Amino acid sequence: MTERVWHILLESFPKILLPGLRMTLPLTAVAFALAMVIAVAVALIQFARVKALVPLCRFYIWVIRGTPLLVQLFVVFYGFKAGMYMSPFWAAVLVFAVNEGAYCAETMRGALESVPAGQIEAGYCVGMRYTQIMRRIVLPQALRTAFPSLSNGLISMVKDTSLTANITVAEMFMATQRINARYYEPLALYLEVAVIYLLFSTLLTWLQRWGEKRLNALGGKEARHA
């Protein structure tokens, strides 16, 4: 690389990183937290086989998983904009939460169904209510089983936030596009933002491994006390 390119990369690095810290990570955190609420609710409805709501849950999952995330962003931000005002950030949060919630709901449903039925029956035998069984027995085990897949969804969401540049969210990728429009060094600048995304994903991967070790240790303690 030429001295000019190195100078551009050094100058642009904080200008790309700061939007990542101020926009990309907060957007991901808020959207994923809401996605988990949606996922657990939808999974529990299907697990409990609530007849009136199961078809709605299946329809929601079918529509969201069957349409592209970018199209969903455009529908919510540009399609709904005529009827009500929604900032780019909150439009992105809404779409990412609903989108990721559909995928995580299936992960959680599978994890719930992996809990042995005998444990639920044992809960009833000791006088526990259904809600207590779910909260104390089923959900902790299901979350432990689903944790790796849910973590992968979180890492994917960090990378997918680059799509929000299309609805004017001022995150890392949009910052890179603006810098590139000034200097026109697309290869170097887009490689730089790719490295920053990689750094974020690597940090989350380390946290995922740490979380798995902690959950496995807790599971081992519970097994010894059982």
Protein backbone atom coordinates (compact mmCIF):
# COMPACT_ATOMS: atom_id res chain seq x y z
CA MET A 1 0.00 0.00 0.00
CA THR A 2 1.10 3.54 -0.68
CA GLU A 3 1.78 6.10 2.03
CA ARG A 4 -1.44 7.88 1.03
CA VAL A 5 -3.54 4.75 1.60
CA TRP A 6 -1.98 4.13 5.02
CA HIS A 7 -2.67 7.73 5.97
CA ILE A 8 -6.33 7.36 4.89
CA LEU A 9 -6.70 4.12 6.86
CA LEU A 10 -5.22 5.60 10.03
CA GLU A 11 -7.36 8.71 9.74
CA SER A 12 -10.56 6.80 8.95
CA PHE A 13 -10.22 4.08 11.62
CA PRO A 14 -11.70 6.11 14.53
CA LYS A 15 -14.29 7.61 12.20
CA ILE A 16 -15.51 4.08 11.41
CA LEU A 17 -15.06 2.60 14.88
CA LEU A 18 -17.00 5.32 16.72
CA PRO A 19 -20.26 4.75 14.78
CA GLY A 20 -19.78 1.08 15.57
CA LEU A 21 -19.62 1.80 19.29
CA ARG A 22 -22.37 4.43 19.25
CA MET A 23 -24.77 2.87 16.75
CA THR A 24 -23.95 -0.69 15.62
CA LEU A 25 -23.51 -2.23 19.08
CA PRO A 26 -26.44 -0.43 20.78
CA LEU A 27 -28.72 -1.30 17.85
CA THR A 28 -27.67 -4.95 18.10
CA ALA A 29 -28.08 -5.08 21.88
CA VAL A 30 -31.55 -3.53 21.96
CA ALA A 31 -32.82 -5.50 18.97
CA PHE A 32 -31.49 -8.82 20.27
CA ALA A 33 -32.99 -8.26 23.72
CA LEU A 34 -36.40 -7.64 22.15
CA ALA A 35 -35.88 -10.62 19.83
CA MET A 36 -35.33 -12.88 22.83
CA VAL A 37 -38.57 -11.70 24.43
CA ILE A 38 -40.42 -12.45 21.19
CA ALA A 39 -38.66 -15.78 20.75
CA VAL A 40 -39.38 -17.07 24.25
CA ALA A 41 -43.03 -15.99 24.04
CA VAL A 42 -43.58 -17.59 20.62
CA ALA A 43 -41.73 -20.76 21.62
CA LEU A 44 -43.71 -21.13 24.85
CA ILE A 45 -47.00 -20.68 22.98
CA GLN A 46 -46.06 -23.46 20.58
CA PHE A 47 -44.70 -25.66 23.35
CA ALA A 48 -47.92 -25.27 25.34
CA ARG A 49 -49.94 -25.85 22.15
CA VAL A 50 -52.26 -22.89 22.67
CA LYS A 51 -54.68 -23.66 19.84
CA ALA A 52 -55.86 -20.10 19.24
CA LEU A 53 -52.31 -18.70 18.96
CA VAL A 54 -50.20 -21.48 17.42
CA PRO A 55 -51.40 -20.77 13.83
CA LEU A 56 -50.53 -17.08 14.28
CA CYS A 57 -47.07 -18.00 15.53
CA ARG A 58 -46.48 -20.38 12.63
CA PHE A 59 -47.67 -17.71 10.16
CA TYR A 60 -45.33 -15.13 11.69
CA ILE A 61 -42.35 -17.48 11.47
CA TRP A 62 -43.26 -18.48 7.90
CA VAL A 63 -43.50 -14.89 6.66
CA ILE A 64 -40.39 -13.58 8.40
CA ARG A 65 -38.14 -16.50 7.49
CA GLY A 66 -39.44 -16.51 3.93
CA THR A 67 -38.69 -12.86 3.10
CA PRO A 68 -35.30 -11.08 2.90
CA LEU A 69 -34.18 -8.92 5.80
CA LEU A 70 -33.39 -6.02 3.45
CA VAL A 71 -36.92 -6.11 2.04
CA GLN A 72 -38.33 -6.06 5.57
CA LEU A 73 -36.22 -2.99 6.36
CA PHE A 74 -37.54 -1.21 3.27
CA VAL A 75 -41.16 -2.17 3.99
CA VAL A 76 -41.05 -0.86 7.56
CA PHE A 77 -39.00 2.28 6.99
CA TYR A 78 -40.21 3.44 3.58
CA GLY A 79 -43.56 1.66 3.47
CA PHE A 80 -44.80 2.80 6.88
CA LYS A 81 -43.19 6.22 6.67
CA ALA A 82 -46.19 7.62 4.81
CA GLY A 83 -48.49 6.85 7.72
CA MET A 84 -46.27 7.57 10.71
CA TYR A 85 -42.85 8.88 11.57
CA MET A 86 -40.22 6.36 12.63
CA SER A 87 -36.56 7.17 13.03
CA PRO A 88 -34.10 5.00 11.08
CA PHE A 89 -32.63 3.60 14.30
CA TRP A 90 -35.96 2.44 15.76
CA ALA A 91 -37.14 1.13 12.40
CA ALA A 92 -33.99 -0.99 12.29
CA VAL A 93 -34.49 -2.14 15.90
CA LEU A 94 -38.07 -3.18 15.13
CA VAL A 95 -37.16 -5.10 11.98
CA PHE A 96 -34.14 -6.84 13.50
CA ALA A 97 -36.08 -7.80 16.63
CA VAL A 98 -38.99 -9.25 14.66
CA ASN A 99 -36.67 -10.97 12.17
CA GLU A 100 -34.30 -12.50 14.72
CA GLY A 101 -37.22 -13.34 16.99
CA ALA A 102 -38.62 -15.69 14.34
CA TYR A 103 -35.35 -17.62 14.02
CA CYS A 104 -34.69 -17.70 17.76
CA ALA A 105 -38.25 -18.87 18.39
CA GLU A 106 -37.58 -22.05 16.43
CA THR A 107 -34.31 -22.53 18.28
CA MET A 108 -36.08 -22.11 21.61
CA ARG A 109 -38.95 -24.39 20.59
CA GLY A 110 -36.49 -27.17 19.78
CA ALA A 111 -34.66 -26.59 23.06
CA LEU A 112 -37.91 -26.70 25.05
CA GLU A 113 -38.93 -29.95 23.41
CA SER A 114 -35.53 -31.46 24.25
CA VAL A 115 -36.28 -31.27 27.99
CA PRO A 116 -37.41 -34.74 29.13
CA ALA A 117 -41.15 -34.95 29.78
CA GLY A 118 -40.43 -36.83 33.00
CA GLN A 119 -39.03 -33.66 34.57
CA ILE A 120 -42.27 -31.84 33.91
CA GLU A 121 -44.25 -34.71 35.43
CA ALA A 122 -41.93 -34.69 38.44
CA GLY A 123 -42.65 -31.00 38.90
CA TYR A 124 -46.36 -31.66 38.99
CA CYS A 125 -45.80 -34.49 41.47
CA VAL A 126 -44.15 -32.15 43.99
CA GLY A 127 -47.02 -29.67 43.70
CA MET A 128 -45.53 -27.11 41.33
CA ARG A 129 -47.76 -25.10 39.00
CA TYR A 130 -47.20 -25.03 35.23
CA THR A 131 -45.65 -21.56 35.36
CA GLN A 132 -43.28 -22.63 38.14
CA ILE A 133 -42.23 -25.71 36.16
CA MET A 134 -41.52 -23.56 33.12
CA ARG A 135 -39.58 -20.96 35.09
CA ARG A 136 -37.59 -23.25 37.37
CA ILE A 137 -37.14 -26.47 35.41
CA VAL A 138 -37.81 -26.20 31.68
CA LEU A 139 -36.61 -22.72 30.68
CA PRO A 140 -33.19 -22.89 32.43
CA GLN A 141 -32.38 -26.17 30.68
CA ALA A 142 -33.76 -24.97 27.34
CA LEU A 143 -31.73 -21.75 27.46
CA ARG A 144 -28.59 -23.74 28.22
CA THR A 145 -29.24 -25.97 25.21
CA ALA A 146 -30.10 -23.06 22.92
CA PHE A 147 -27.26 -20.79 24.05
CA PRO A 148 -24.75 -21.65 21.24
CA SER A 149 -27.35 -21.15 18.50
CA LEU A 150 -28.66 -17.95 20.07
CA SER A 151 -25.09 -16.64 20.33
CA ASN A 152 -24.55 -17.36 16.65
CA GLY A 153 -27.69 -15.35 15.91
CA LEU A 154 -26.29 -12.42 17.89
CA ILE A 155 -23.01 -12.51 15.97
CA SER A 156 -24.88 -12.66 12.67
CA MET A 157 -26.99 -9.67 13.72
CA VAL A 158 -23.86 -7.57 14.31
CA LYS A 159 -22.80 -8.18 10.71
CA ASP A 160 -26.31 -7.73 9.32
CA THR A 161 -26.51 -4.23 10.78
CA SER A 162 -24.51 -3.15 7.72
CA LEU A 163 -27.81 -3.44 5.81
CA THR A 164 -29.26 -0.57 7.82
CA ALA A 165 -27.10 1.85 5.83
CA ASN A 166 -29.80 1.43 3.17
CA ILE A 167 -32.31 3.18 5.45
CA THR A 168 -29.84 5.93 6.47
CA VAL A 169 -28.76 4.53 9.84
CA ALA A 170 -25.37 6.14 10.52
CA GLU A 171 -23.52 2.94 11.47
CA MET A 172 -20.07 1.69 10.47
CA PHE A 173 -20.81 0.74 6.89
CA MET A 174 -22.45 4.08 6.09
CA ALA A 175 -19.49 5.87 7.67
CA THR A 176 -17.19 3.87 5.40
CA GLN A 177 -19.26 4.72 2.34
CA ARG A 178 -19.04 8.42 3.16
CA ILE A 179 -15.27 8.26 3.64
CA ASN A 180 -14.89 6.32 0.40
CA ALA A 181 -16.91 8.96 -1.46
CA ARG A 182 -14.29 11.48 -0.35
CA TYR A 183 -11.09 9.53 -0.97
CA TYR A 184 -12.22 6.78 -3.39
CA GLU A 185 -10.17 3.94 -1.95
CA PRO A 186 -12.87 1.25 -1.86
CA LEU A 187 -10.65 -1.81 -1.48
CA ALA A 188 -8.65 -0.47 1.47
CA LEU A 189 -11.61 1.15 3.25
CA TYR A 190 -14.01 -1.78 2.88
CA LEU A 191 -11.29 -4.14 4.06
CA GLU A 192 -10.82 -1.89 7.06
CA VAL A 193 -14.49 -1.96 8.03
CA ALA A 194 -14.49 -5.73 7.48
CA VAL A 195 -11.65 -6.02 10.01
CA ILE A 196 -13.64 -3.97 12.54
CA TYR A 197 -16.68 -6.22 12.06
CA LEU A 198 -14.33 -9.17 12.53
CA LEU A 199 -13.04 -7.68 15.79
CA PHE A 200 -16.59 -7.27 17.11
CA SER A 201 -17.50 -10.82 16.06
CA THR A 202 -14.33 -12.22 17.64
CA LEU A 203 -15.11 -10.51 20.94
CA LEU A 204 -18.63 -11.94 20.91
CA THR A 205 -17.22 -15.39 20.05
CA TRP A 206 -14.97 -15.22 23.12
CA LEU A 207 -17.93 -14.19 25.25
CA GLN A 208 -19.93 -17.07 23.79
CA ARG A 209 -17.23 -19.59 24.77
CA TRP A 210 -17.00 -18.10 28.24
CA GLY A 211 -20.78 -18.26 28.61
CA GLU A 212 -20.87 -21.89 27.48
CA LYS A 213 -18.22 -22.82 30.03
CA ARG A 214 -20.15 -21.05 32.78
CA LEU A 215 -23.42 -22.74 31.83
CA ASN A 216 -21.73 -26.15 31.63
CA ALA A 217 -20.21 -25.60 35.06
CA LEU A 218 -23.60 -24.62 36.50
CA GLY A 219 -25.18 -27.66 34.84
CA GLY A 220 -22.54 -29.90 36.41
CA LYS A 221 -23.22 -28.46 39.87
CA GLU A 222 -26.97 -28.98 39.46
CA ALA A 223 -26.40 -32.58 38.34
CA ARG A 224 -24.25 -33.30 41.41
CA HIS A 225 -26.84 -31.82 43.77
CA ALA A 226 -29.76 -33.67 42.09
